[in-house]
Amino acid sequence: MTTLSFEDDGVDVVYEGTEFRMERELIEDATGKTYHDVTDHEVLKLVEKNPALSGEPKRIGDII
């Protein structure tokens, strides 16, 4: 299971037992969107190849 913790300057990720941080700029470059407009589903897709997505996607701006 992947855990995402959103903050104003990036996302703390735990993926398969490995912890790392995805900086805001990396997420913006990878998605072509402003950080607050990126959804949690889009971030999960950057981490996992074929994630099991559930529920409605939420904008980072609404989460933080």
N, C-alpha and C. Protein backbone atom coordinates (compact mmCIF):
# COMPACT_ATOMS: atom_id res chain seq x y z
N MET A 1 0.84 -1.18 0.00
CA MET A 1 0.00 0.00 0.00
C MET A 1 0.89 1.25 0.00
N THR A 2 0.48 2.25 -0.75
CA THR A 2 1.22 3.51 -0.84
C THR A 2 0.51 4.55 0.01
N THR A 3 1.31 5.29 0.78
CA THR A 3 0.77 6.36 1.62
C THR A 3 1.31 7.69 1.12
N LEU A 4 0.42 8.65 0.94
CA LEU A 4 0.79 9.99 0.50
C LEU A 4 0.42 10.98 1.59
N SER A 5 1.37 11.83 1.98
CA SER A 5 1.11 12.90 2.95
C SER A 5 1.43 14.23 2.28
N PHE A 6 0.39 15.02 2.03
CA PHE A 6 0.53 16.25 1.27
C PHE A 6 0.87 17.43 2.18
N GLU A 7 1.82 18.24 1.73
CA GLU A 7 2.20 19.47 2.40
C GLU A 7 2.31 20.55 1.34
N ASP A 8 2.47 21.79 1.76
CA ASP A 8 2.52 22.92 0.83
C ASP A 8 3.69 22.86 -0.14
N ASP A 9 4.80 22.23 0.26
CA ASP A 9 5.99 22.22 -0.59
C ASP A 9 6.32 20.86 -1.20
N GLY A 10 5.43 19.89 -1.03
CA GLY A 10 5.67 18.58 -1.61
C GLY A 10 4.88 17.48 -0.93
N VAL A 11 5.19 16.23 -1.30
CA VAL A 11 4.46 15.08 -0.80
C VAL A 11 5.44 14.08 -0.22
N ASP A 12 5.17 13.64 1.01
CA ASP A 12 5.93 12.55 1.60
C ASP A 12 5.25 11.26 1.18
N VAL A 13 6.04 10.31 0.67
CA VAL A 13 5.51 9.07 0.12
C VAL A 13 6.12 7.88 0.85
N VAL A 14 5.30 6.88 1.12
CA VAL A 14 5.79 5.58 1.58
C VAL A 14 5.29 4.57 0.55
N TYR A 15 6.22 3.98 -0.18
CA TYR A 15 5.89 3.03 -1.25
C TYR A 15 6.68 1.75 -1.03
N GLU A 16 5.96 0.66 -0.82
CA GLU A 16 6.57 -0.64 -0.58
C GLU A 16 7.64 -0.57 0.51
N GLY A 17 7.33 0.15 1.59
CA GLY A 17 8.24 0.25 2.72
C GLY A 17 9.35 1.28 2.58
N THR A 18 9.44 1.93 1.44
CA THR A 18 10.47 2.94 1.21
C THR A 18 9.85 4.32 1.33
N GLU A 19 10.47 5.17 2.16
CA GLU A 19 9.99 6.54 2.35
C GLU A 19 10.82 7.50 1.50
N PHE A 20 10.13 8.41 0.83
CA PHE A 20 10.83 9.45 0.06
C PHE A 20 9.93 10.65 -0.08
N ARG A 21 10.49 11.73 -0.56
CA ARG A 21 9.75 12.98 -0.74
C ARG A 21 9.73 13.36 -2.22
N MET A 22 8.57 13.78 -2.69
CA MET A 22 8.42 14.33 -4.03
C MET A 22 8.21 15.83 -3.85
N GLU A 23 9.16 16.61 -4.35
CA GLU A 23 9.07 18.06 -4.21
C GLU A 23 7.99 18.63 -5.13
N ARG A 24 7.47 19.75 -4.72
CA ARG A 24 6.42 20.44 -5.46
C ARG A 24 6.81 20.65 -6.94
N GLU A 25 8.04 21.11 -7.18
CA GLU A 25 8.49 21.39 -8.55
C GLU A 25 8.50 20.13 -9.41
N LEU A 26 8.90 19.00 -8.84
CA LEU A 26 8.92 17.73 -9.57
C LEU A 26 7.51 17.35 -10.00
N ILE A 27 6.56 17.48 -9.10
CA ILE A 27 5.17 17.13 -9.41
C ILE A 27 4.61 18.06 -10.48
N GLU A 28 4.92 19.36 -10.38
CA GLU A 28 4.44 20.30 -11.40
C GLU A 28 5.04 19.99 -12.76
N ASP A 29 6.34 19.68 -12.81
CA ASP A 29 7.00 19.35 -14.08
C ASP A 29 6.44 18.07 -14.68
N ALA A 30 6.17 17.08 -13.84
CA ALA A 30 5.70 15.78 -14.33
C ALA A 30 4.27 15.83 -14.83
N THR A 31 3.45 16.70 -14.24
CA THR A 31 2.04 16.76 -14.63
C THR A 31 1.70 17.91 -15.56
N GLY A 32 2.56 18.93 -15.61
CA GLY A 32 2.28 20.10 -16.43
C GLY A 32 1.20 20.99 -15.83
N LYS A 33 0.95 20.84 -14.53
CA LYS A 33 -0.07 21.62 -13.84
C LYS A 33 0.55 22.33 -12.65
N THR A 34 -0.18 23.34 -12.14
CA THR A 34 0.26 23.94 -10.88
C THR A 34 0.00 22.94 -9.77
N TYR A 35 0.83 23.00 -8.75
CA TYR A 35 0.79 22.02 -7.65
C TYR A 35 -0.60 21.87 -7.05
N HIS A 36 -1.28 22.99 -6.79
CA HIS A 36 -2.59 22.92 -6.15
C HIS A 36 -3.68 22.35 -7.04
N ASP A 37 -3.45 22.29 -8.36
CA ASP A 37 -4.44 21.72 -9.29
C ASP A 37 -4.22 20.24 -9.57
N VAL A 38 -3.10 19.69 -9.14
CA VAL A 38 -2.82 18.26 -9.32
C VAL A 38 -3.69 17.48 -8.34
N THR A 39 -4.16 16.30 -8.76
CA THR A 39 -4.99 15.49 -7.86
C THR A 39 -4.16 14.41 -7.17
N ASP A 40 -4.72 13.88 -6.09
CA ASP A 40 -4.07 12.78 -5.39
C ASP A 40 -3.90 11.58 -6.30
N HIS A 41 -4.86 11.34 -7.19
CA HIS A 41 -4.76 10.22 -8.13
C HIS A 41 -3.58 10.40 -9.09
N GLU A 42 -3.36 11.63 -9.54
CA GLU A 42 -2.24 11.89 -10.45
C GLU A 42 -0.91 11.65 -9.75
N VAL A 43 -0.79 12.06 -8.49
CA VAL A 43 0.44 11.81 -7.74
C VAL A 43 0.65 10.31 -7.57
N LEU A 44 -0.41 9.59 -7.24
CA LEU A 44 -0.31 8.15 -7.06
C LEU A 44 0.16 7.47 -8.36
N LYS A 45 -0.31 7.96 -9.50
CA LYS A 45 0.11 7.41 -10.79
C LYS A 45 1.59 7.68 -11.06
N LEU A 46 2.14 8.75 -10.50
CA LEU A 46 3.57 9.01 -10.65
C LEU A 46 4.41 8.02 -9.84
N VAL A 47 3.83 7.53 -8.74
CA VAL A 47 4.54 6.63 -7.84
C VAL A 47 4.40 5.17 -8.28
N GLU A 48 3.17 4.76 -8.58
CA GLU A 48 2.87 3.37 -8.93
C GLU A 48 2.56 3.24 -10.42
N LYS A 49 2.92 2.11 -10.98
CA LYS A 49 2.67 1.87 -12.41
C LYS A 49 1.17 1.72 -12.71
N ASN A 50 0.48 0.87 -11.97
CA ASN A 50 -0.95 0.64 -12.16
C ASN A 50 -1.65 0.70 -10.81
N PRO A 51 -1.84 1.89 -10.27
CA PRO A 51 -2.42 1.99 -8.92
C PRO A 51 -3.90 1.62 -8.90
N ALA A 52 -4.35 1.10 -7.78
CA ALA A 52 -5.77 0.84 -7.56
C ALA A 52 -6.40 2.13 -7.06
N LEU A 53 -7.05 2.85 -7.96
CA LEU A 53 -7.64 4.14 -7.62
C LEU A 53 -9.06 3.93 -7.11
N SER A 54 -9.38 4.60 -6.00
CA SER A 54 -10.74 4.49 -5.47
C SER A 54 -11.23 5.87 -5.06
N GLY A 55 -12.52 6.06 -5.13
CA GLY A 55 -13.09 7.35 -4.78
C GLY A 55 -12.83 8.41 -5.82
N GLU A 56 -13.34 9.58 -5.55
CA GLU A 56 -13.15 10.71 -6.45
C GLU A 56 -11.76 11.32 -6.24
N PRO A 57 -11.09 11.74 -7.31
CA PRO A 57 -9.81 12.42 -7.14
C PRO A 57 -9.99 13.74 -6.41
N LYS A 58 -9.01 14.07 -5.57
CA LYS A 58 -9.06 15.33 -4.81
C LYS A 58 -7.86 16.18 -5.19
N ARG A 59 -8.11 17.47 -5.42
CA ARG A 59 -7.05 18.42 -5.72
C ARG A 59 -6.17 18.62 -4.49
N ILE A 60 -4.87 18.74 -4.70
CA ILE A 60 -3.96 19.01 -3.59
C ILE A 60 -4.37 20.29 -2.87
N GLY A 61 -4.79 21.30 -3.62
CA GLY A 61 -5.24 22.55 -3.02
C GLY A 61 -6.39 22.37 -2.05
N ASP A 62 -7.25 21.38 -2.29
CA ASP A 62 -8.36 21.10 -1.39
C ASP A 62 -7.92 20.25 -0.20
N ILE A 63 -6.87 19.47 -0.37
CA ILE A 63 -6.38 18.59 0.70
C ILE A 63 -5.62 19.39 1.75
N ILE A 64 -4.75 20.29 1.27
CA ILE A 64 -3.95 21.06 2.22
C ILE A 64 -4.68 22.34 2.53
